[in-house]
Amino acid sequence: SIGDSYITLGTIHLNSKNYNAALESFNKALGILMPIHGEKSKSITSLYSKFGSVYLKLKNNDEAIRYFNKCLELCKKLYGETHPETANSYHSLGIVYSVIHKYAEARAFLEKALKIYQCKPKNYESQIDMIKNKLQELKQLAQDK
């Protein structure tokens, strides 16, 4: 669909660090897909995550948190609390909170993500390692305060 094409284009812009063009493409995709699918769809959930990623790159952390929270709420509704997509949202929120030095919140989100990933049978080793490393870094940062 045209909406999916805008998501692909936006992702290319995001990966090329052309953040304003990414936002423009994602907004066009949202305008096309929202009337078709409604908010409770995998496409919209994915878009909210992509918006969060762009805003994180732009250092607009409040907007990143807003979109990652929207993504998290939709993931819980669509997939449930223990799905890897829900874990991805927790992980993303943990990263943003660590960036803004809210280490307790970051740790809480990362621990939720880790718990979900560790209950999955396989294929999540890299996420588990990333989260464990980030948690160790947060522990060190908390001790240095």
N, C-alpha and C. Protein backbone atom coordinates (compact mmCIF):
# COMPACT_ATOMS: atom_id res chain seq x y z
N SER A 1 0.84 -1.19 0.00
CA SER A 1 0.00 0.00 0.00
C SER A 1 0.88 1.25 0.00
N ILE A 2 0.25 2.35 -0.29
CA ILE A 2 0.98 3.63 -0.29
C ILE A 2 1.47 3.96 1.12
N GLY A 3 0.64 3.67 2.12
CA GLY A 3 1.05 3.92 3.50
C GLY A 3 2.30 3.15 3.87
N ASP A 4 2.35 1.88 3.48
CA ASP A 4 3.54 1.07 3.75
C ASP A 4 4.76 1.60 3.01
N SER A 5 4.54 2.13 1.82
CA SER A 5 5.65 2.72 1.05
C SER A 5 6.22 3.93 1.78
N TYR A 6 5.33 4.73 2.38
CA TYR A 6 5.81 5.87 3.16
C TYR A 6 6.58 5.42 4.40
N ILE A 7 6.16 4.31 5.01
CA ILE A 7 6.91 3.78 6.15
C ILE A 7 8.30 3.36 5.70
N THR A 8 8.38 2.67 4.57
CA THR A 8 9.68 2.24 4.04
C THR A 8 10.55 3.45 3.73
N LEU A 9 9.98 4.44 3.08
CA LEU A 9 10.72 5.66 2.75
C LEU A 9 11.19 6.37 4.02
N GLY A 10 10.31 6.46 5.00
CA GLY A 10 10.68 7.09 6.26
C GLY A 10 11.80 6.36 6.96
N THR A 11 11.77 5.04 6.90
CA THR A 11 12.83 4.23 7.51
C THR A 11 14.16 4.46 6.80
N ILE A 12 14.12 4.58 5.50
CA ILE A 12 15.34 4.89 4.75
C ILE A 12 15.89 6.25 5.18
N HIS A 13 15.00 7.23 5.30
CA HIS A 13 15.42 8.56 5.77
C HIS A 13 15.99 8.49 7.18
N LEU A 14 15.33 7.73 8.05
CA LEU A 14 15.81 7.59 9.43
C LEU A 14 17.21 6.98 9.44
N ASN A 15 17.41 5.92 8.69
CA ASN A 15 18.72 5.26 8.65
C ASN A 15 19.78 6.13 8.00
N SER A 16 19.35 7.08 7.15
CA SER A 16 20.28 8.01 6.50
C SER A 16 20.47 9.30 7.31
N LYS A 17 19.88 9.33 8.51
CA LYS A 17 19.97 10.48 9.42
C LYS A 17 19.32 11.73 8.85
N ASN A 18 18.36 11.54 7.97
CA ASN A 18 17.57 12.64 7.42
C ASN A 18 16.25 12.67 8.19
N TYR A 19 16.33 13.16 9.43
CA TYR A 19 15.25 12.99 10.39
C TYR A 19 13.99 13.77 10.04
N ASN A 20 14.13 14.96 9.52
CA ASN A 20 12.93 15.73 9.15
C ASN A 20 12.18 15.06 8.01
N ALA A 21 12.90 14.52 7.04
CA ALA A 21 12.25 13.80 5.95
C ALA A 21 11.61 12.51 6.48
N ALA A 22 12.24 11.88 7.45
CA ALA A 22 11.65 10.68 8.06
C ALA A 22 10.33 11.03 8.73
N LEU A 23 10.32 12.12 9.50
CA LEU A 23 9.07 12.54 10.16
C LEU A 23 7.98 12.84 9.13
N GLU A 24 8.36 13.50 8.05
CA GLU A 24 7.39 13.82 7.00
C GLU A 24 6.79 12.54 6.40
N SER A 25 7.64 11.58 6.10
CA SER A 25 7.15 10.31 5.53
C SER A 25 6.28 9.55 6.53
N PHE A 26 6.71 9.51 7.79
CA PHE A 26 5.92 8.80 8.80
C PHE A 26 4.58 9.48 9.03
N ASN A 27 4.55 10.81 9.00
CA ASN A 27 3.28 11.52 9.14
C ASN A 27 2.35 11.23 7.98
N LYS A 28 2.90 11.15 6.76
CA LYS A 28 2.07 10.80 5.60
C LYS A 28 1.52 9.39 5.75
N ALA A 29 2.37 8.47 6.20
CA ALA A 29 1.92 7.09 6.42
C ALA A 29 0.81 7.04 7.46
N LEU A 30 0.98 7.78 8.54
CA LEU A 30 -0.02 7.81 9.60
C LEU A 30 -1.35 8.34 9.07
N GLY A 31 -1.28 9.40 8.27
CA GLY A 31 -2.50 9.98 7.69
C GLY A 31 -3.23 9.02 6.76
N ILE A 32 -2.50 8.15 6.11
CA ILE A 32 -3.10 7.17 5.20
C ILE A 32 -3.61 5.95 5.97
N LEU A 33 -2.80 5.44 6.89
CA LEU A 33 -3.10 4.17 7.55
C LEU A 33 -4.11 4.28 8.70
N MET A 34 -4.11 5.40 9.41
CA MET A 34 -5.01 5.54 10.56
C MET A 34 -6.48 5.41 10.15
N PRO A 35 -6.93 6.08 9.09
CA PRO A 35 -8.34 5.92 8.70
C PRO A 35 -8.69 4.50 8.23
N ILE A 36 -7.71 3.80 7.70
CA ILE A 36 -7.95 2.45 7.18
C ILE A 36 -7.97 1.42 8.31
N HIS A 37 -6.95 1.46 9.17
CA HIS A 37 -6.77 0.42 10.18
C HIS A 37 -7.23 0.81 11.58
N GLY A 38 -7.34 2.10 11.84
CA GLY A 38 -7.58 2.54 13.21
C GLY A 38 -6.29 2.45 14.00
N GLU A 39 -6.35 2.95 15.22
CA GLU A 39 -5.10 3.00 16.00
C GLU A 39 -4.62 1.62 16.43
N LYS A 40 -5.53 0.71 16.69
CA LYS A 40 -5.14 -0.61 17.20
C LYS A 40 -4.72 -1.53 16.06
N SER A 41 -3.60 -1.20 15.44
CA SER A 41 -3.08 -2.04 14.37
C SER A 41 -1.57 -2.14 14.48
N LYS A 42 -1.02 -3.18 13.90
CA LYS A 42 0.43 -3.38 13.93
C LYS A 42 1.15 -2.26 13.19
N SER A 43 0.57 -1.77 12.11
CA SER A 43 1.20 -0.69 11.34
C SER A 43 1.32 0.58 12.16
N ILE A 44 0.27 0.92 12.89
CA ILE A 44 0.29 2.14 13.70
C ILE A 44 1.26 1.97 14.86
N THR A 45 1.26 0.80 15.47
CA THR A 45 2.21 0.52 16.55
C THR A 45 3.64 0.71 16.06
N SER A 46 3.94 0.15 14.91
CA SER A 46 5.27 0.29 14.32
C SER A 46 5.60 1.75 14.04
N LEU A 47 4.64 2.48 13.54
CA LEU A 47 4.87 3.91 13.27
C LEU A 47 5.18 4.68 14.54
N TYR A 48 4.43 4.42 15.61
CA TYR A 48 4.70 5.12 16.86
C TYR A 48 6.12 4.84 17.34
N SER A 49 6.57 3.62 17.18
CA SER A 49 7.95 3.29 17.56
C SER A 49 8.94 4.05 16.69
N LYS A 50 8.66 4.14 15.40
CA LYS A 50 9.56 4.86 14.50
C LYS A 50 9.58 6.35 14.81
N PHE A 51 8.41 6.93 15.13
CA PHE A 51 8.38 8.33 15.56
C PHE A 51 9.26 8.50 16.80
N GLY A 52 9.11 7.60 17.76
CA GLY A 52 9.92 7.67 18.97
C GLY A 52 11.41 7.63 18.65
N SER A 53 11.79 6.77 17.73
CA SER A 53 13.21 6.66 17.34
C SER A 53 13.72 7.95 16.71
N VAL A 54 12.91 8.56 15.85
CA VAL A 54 13.32 9.82 15.22
C VAL A 54 13.48 10.90 16.29
N TYR A 55 12.49 11.02 17.17
CA TYR A 55 12.58 12.06 18.18
C TYR A 55 13.74 11.82 19.14
N LEU A 56 14.07 10.57 19.42
CA LEU A 56 15.24 10.27 20.23
C LEU A 56 16.50 10.75 19.53
N LYS A 57 16.61 10.49 18.23
CA LYS A 57 17.77 10.95 17.47
C LYS A 57 17.85 12.48 17.43
N LEU A 58 16.69 13.14 17.41
CA LEU A 58 16.64 14.60 17.39
C LEU A 58 16.82 15.21 18.79
N LYS A 59 16.99 14.33 19.78
CA LYS A 59 17.15 14.74 21.18
C LYS A 59 15.90 15.45 21.72
N ASN A 60 14.76 15.17 21.11
CA ASN A 60 13.48 15.65 21.62
C ASN A 60 12.91 14.52 22.47
N ASN A 61 13.46 14.41 23.68
CA ASN A 61 13.20 13.26 24.52
C ASN A 61 11.76 13.17 25.01
N ASP A 62 11.11 14.32 25.24
CA ASP A 62 9.71 14.30 25.66
C ASP A 62 8.83 13.68 24.59
N GLU A 63 9.06 14.04 23.33
CA GLU A 63 8.29 13.45 22.24
C GLU A 63 8.63 11.98 22.05
N ALA A 64 9.91 11.64 22.22
CA ALA A 64 10.30 10.23 22.12
C ALA A 64 9.56 9.41 23.17
N ILE A 65 9.53 9.90 24.39
CA ILE A 65 8.82 9.20 25.47
C ILE A 65 7.33 9.09 25.14
N ARG A 66 6.76 10.17 24.65
CA ARG A 66 5.33 10.17 24.32
C ARG A 66 5.01 9.09 23.29
N TYR A 67 5.80 9.02 22.23
CA TYR A 67 5.53 8.02 21.18
C TYR A 67 5.86 6.60 21.62
N PHE A 68 6.94 6.43 22.37
CA PHE A 68 7.25 5.09 22.86
C PHE A 68 6.18 4.61 23.85
N ASN A 69 5.62 5.53 24.64
CA ASN A 69 4.52 5.16 25.53
C ASN A 69 3.27 4.77 24.75
N LYS A 70 2.97 5.52 23.69
CA LYS A 70 1.83 5.17 22.85
C LYS A 70 2.04 3.78 22.25
N CYS A 71 3.24 3.52 21.79
CA CYS A 71 3.59 2.22 21.24
C CYS A 71 3.42 1.13 22.30
N LEU A 72 3.91 1.38 23.50
CA LEU A 72 3.81 0.41 24.58
C LEU A 72 2.36 0.07 24.89
N GLU A 73 1.53 1.08 25.01
CA GLU A 73 0.12 0.84 25.33
C GLU A 73 -0.56 0.02 24.24
N LEU A 74 -0.28 0.34 22.99
CA LEU A 74 -0.86 -0.44 21.90
C LEU A 74 -0.31 -1.87 21.88
N CYS A 75 0.98 -2.03 22.12
CA CYS A 75 1.56 -3.38 22.16
C CYS A 75 0.89 -4.23 23.23
N LYS A 76 0.65 -3.65 24.41
CA LYS A 76 -0.02 -4.41 25.47
C LYS A 76 -1.40 -4.85 25.03
N LYS A 77 -2.12 -3.95 24.34
CA LYS A 77 -3.48 -4.28 23.88
C LYS A 77 -3.46 -5.31 22.76
N LEU A 78 -2.54 -5.14 21.81
CA LEU A 78 -2.50 -6.03 20.65
C LEU A 78 -1.86 -7.38 20.93
N TYR A 79 -0.77 -7.37 21.70
CA TYR A 79 0.04 -8.57 21.85
C TYR A 79 0.04 -9.15 23.26
N GLY A 80 -0.27 -8.33 24.24
CA GLY A 80 -0.19 -8.77 25.62
C GLY A 80 1.11 -8.31 26.28
N GLU A 81 1.16 -8.47 27.57
CA GLU A 81 2.27 -7.97 28.39
C GLU A 81 3.57 -8.72 28.16
N THR A 82 3.52 -9.96 27.70
CA THR A 82 4.74 -10.77 27.63
C THR A 82 5.24 -11.00 26.20
N HIS A 83 4.81 -10.20 25.27
CA HIS A 83 5.21 -10.36 23.87
C HIS A 83 6.52 -9.59 23.61
N PRO A 84 7.37 -10.09 22.72
CA PRO A 84 8.62 -9.38 22.40
C PRO A 84 8.41 -7.95 21.90
N GLU A 85 7.32 -7.67 21.20
CA GLU A 85 7.07 -6.29 20.77
C GLU A 85 6.85 -5.37 21.97
N THR A 86 6.18 -5.89 22.99
CA THR A 86 6.00 -5.13 24.22
C THR A 86 7.35 -4.92 24.89
N ALA A 87 8.18 -5.95 24.89
CA ALA A 87 9.54 -5.83 25.45
C ALA A 87 10.34 -4.77 24.69
N ASN A 88 10.19 -4.73 23.37
CA ASN A 88 10.89 -3.71 22.59
C ASN A 88 10.51 -2.30 23.04
N SER A 89 9.23 -2.11 23.34
CA SER A 89 8.78 -0.80 23.80
C SER A 89 9.37 -0.45 25.16
N TYR A 90 9.36 -1.43 26.07
CA TYR A 90 9.99 -1.20 27.37
C TYR A 90 11.47 -0.86 27.20
N HIS A 91 12.14 -1.59 26.32
CA HIS A 91 13.56 -1.36 26.07
C HIS A 91 13.78 0.07 25.56
N SER A 92 12.97 0.48 24.58
CA SER A 92 13.10 1.84 24.03
C SER A 92 12.90 2.90 25.10
N LEU A 93 11.89 2.72 25.93
CA LEU A 93 11.66 3.68 27.01
C LEU A 93 12.84 3.69 27.99
N GLY A 94 13.38 2.53 28.27
CA GLY A 94 14.55 2.47 29.15
C GLY A 94 15.73 3.25 28.60
N ILE A 95 15.91 3.17 27.29
CA ILE A 95 17.01 3.91 26.65
C ILE A 95 16.79 5.42 26.78
N VAL A 96 15.57 5.88 26.49
CA VAL A 96 15.30 7.32 26.59
C VAL A 96 15.51 7.81 28.01
N TYR A 97 14.99 7.07 28.98
CA TYR A 97 15.14 7.51 30.37
C TYR A 97 16.61 7.50 30.80
N SER A 98 17.40 6.60 30.26
CA SER A 98 18.83 6.63 30.59
C SER A 98 19.50 7.85 29.98
N VAL A 99 19.07 8.23 28.79
CA VAL A 99 19.63 9.42 28.11
C VAL A 99 19.37 10.69 28.93
N ILE A 100 18.20 10.76 29.55
CA ILE A 100 17.85 11.97 30.32
C ILE A 100 18.22 11.82 31.81
N HIS A 101 19.03 10.80 32.10
CA HIS A 101 19.59 10.59 33.44
C HIS A 101 18.54 10.28 34.50
N LYS A 102 17.44 9.68 34.09
CA LYS A 102 16.45 9.20 35.06
C LYS A 102 16.68 7.69 35.17
N TYR A 103 17.70 7.37 35.96
CA TYR A 103 18.22 6.01 35.99
C TYR A 103 17.26 5.01 36.62
N ALA A 104 16.53 5.41 37.65
CA ALA A 104 15.60 4.47 38.29
C ALA A 104 14.50 4.07 37.30
N GLU A 105 13.96 5.05 36.57
CA GLU A 105 12.94 4.75 35.57
C GLU A 105 13.52 3.89 34.45
N ALA A 106 14.72 4.23 34.02
CA ALA A 106 15.38 3.47 32.96
C ALA A 106 15.54 2.01 33.39
N ARG A 107 16.03 1.83 34.59
CA ARG A 107 16.26 0.47 35.10
C ARG A 107 14.94 -0.31 35.16
N ALA A 108 13.86 0.34 35.61
CA ALA A 108 12.57 -0.35 35.72
C ALA A 108 12.08 -0.83 34.35
N PHE A 109 12.19 0.03 33.35
CA PHE A 109 11.75 -0.35 32.00
C PHE A 109 12.64 -1.45 31.42
N LEU A 110 13.94 -1.31 31.60
CA LEU A 110 14.87 -2.31 31.07
C LEU A 110 14.69 -3.67 31.75
N GLU A 111 14.43 -3.65 33.04
CA GLU A 111 14.21 -4.92 33.74
C GLU A 111 12.93 -5.61 33.26
N LYS A 112 11.89 -4.82 32.96
CA LYS A 112 10.66 -5.42 32.40
C LYS A 112 10.95 -6.05 31.04
N ALA A 113 11.70 -5.34 30.21
CA ALA A 113 12.05 -5.89 28.89
C ALA A 113 12.86 -7.16 29.04
N LEU A 114 13.86 -7.13 29.92
CA LEU A 114 14.72 -8.29 30.13
C LEU A 114 13.92 -9.50 30.59
N LYS A 115 13.01 -9.29 31.51
CA LYS A 115 12.18 -10.38 32.03
C LYS A 115 11.38 -11.04 30.90
N ILE A 116 10.83 -10.23 30.01
CA ILE A 116 10.06 -10.77 28.88
C ILE A 116 10.97 -11.55 27.94
N TYR A 117 12.08 -10.96 27.56
CA TYR A 117 13.00 -11.64 26.63
C TYR A 117 13.52 -12.96 27.21
N GLN A 118 13.81 -12.97 28.50
CA GLN A 118 14.37 -14.18 29.11
C GLN A 118 13.37 -15.33 29.16
N CYS A 119 12.09 -15.02 29.06
CA CYS A 119 11.05 -16.07 29.07
C CYS A 119 10.82 -16.66 27.68
N LYS A 120 11.42 -16.07 26.67
CA LYS A 120 11.23 -16.54 25.30
C LYS A 120 12.23 -17.65 25.01
N PRO A 121 11.83 -18.61 24.16
CA PRO A 121 12.68 -19.78 23.95
C PRO A 121 14.03 -19.50 23.29
N LYS A 122 14.08 -18.58 22.35
CA LYS A 122 15.36 -18.34 21.66
C LYS A 122 15.29 -17.05 20.86
N ASN A 123 16.38 -16.73 20.19
CA ASN A 123 16.49 -15.61 19.25
C ASN A 123 16.52 -14.23 19.91
N TYR A 124 16.61 -14.15 21.22
CA TYR A 124 16.63 -12.85 21.87
C TYR A 124 17.92 -12.62 22.65
N GLU A 125 18.94 -13.40 22.33
CA GLU A 125 20.20 -13.29 23.05
C GLU A 125 20.82 -11.89 22.91
N SER A 126 20.75 -11.32 21.70
CA SER A 126 21.37 -10.00 21.52
C SER A 126 20.64 -8.93 22.33
N GLN A 127 19.30 -9.00 22.37
CA GLN A 127 18.56 -8.03 23.18
C GLN A 127 18.87 -8.22 24.66
N ILE A 128 18.95 -9.47 25.09
CA ILE A 128 19.26 -9.76 26.49
C ILE A 128 20.64 -9.20 26.84
N ASP A 129 21.61 -9.42 25.98
CA ASP A 129 22.96 -8.91 26.22
C ASP A 129 22.98 -7.38 26.26
N MET A 130 22.28 -6.74 25.31
CA MET A 130 22.24 -5.27 25.29
C MET A 130 21.64 -4.72 26.57
N ILE A 131 20.55 -5.33 27.02
CA ILE A 131 19.89 -4.84 28.23
C ILE A 131 20.76 -5.09 29.45
N LYS A 132 21.37 -6.25 29.55
CA LYS A 132 22.25 -6.52 30.69
C LYS A 132 23.40 -5.52 30.73
N ASN A 133 23.98 -5.21 29.57
CA ASN A 133 25.06 -4.23 29.51
C ASN A 133 24.57 -2.85 29.94
N LYS A 134 23.38 -2.47 29.48
CA LYS A 134 22.83 -1.16 29.84
C LYS A 134 22.52 -1.10 31.33
N LEU A 135 21.98 -2.18 31.88
CA LEU A 135 21.71 -2.21 33.32
C LEU A 135 23.00 -2.10 34.13
N GLN A 136 24.06 -2.74 33.67
CA GLN A 136 25.35 -2.64 34.35
C GLN A 136 25.86 -1.20 34.27
N GLU A 137 25.70 -0.58 33.11
CA GLU A 137 26.12 0.82 32.95
C GLU A 137 25.32 1.73 33.89
N LEU A 138 24.02 1.50 33.99
CA LEU A 138 23.18 2.31 34.89
C LEU A 138 23.59 2.11 36.35
N LYS A 139 23.93 0.88 36.71
CA LYS A 139 24.37 0.60 38.07
C LYS A 139 25.64 1.39 38.36
N GLN A 140 26.55 1.41 37.42
CA GLN A 140 27.80 2.17 37.59
C GLN A 140 27.53 3.67 37.70
N LEU A 141 26.64 4.18 36.85
CA LEU A 141 26.30 5.60 36.88
C LEU A 141 25.65 5.98 38.23
N ALA A 142 24.82 5.11 38.75
CA ALA A 142 24.17 5.36 40.03
C ALA A 142 25.20 5.39 41.16
N GLN A 143 26.23 4.54 41.07
CA GLN A 143 27.27 4.50 42.10
C GLN A 143 28.16 5.73 42.02
N ASP A 144 28.33 6.28 40.81
CA ASP A 144 29.20 7.45 40.63
C ASP A 144 28.57 8.75 41.10
N LYS A 145 27.26 8.73 41.32
CA LYS A 145 26.56 9.97 41.72
C LYS A 145 26.97 10.43 43.09
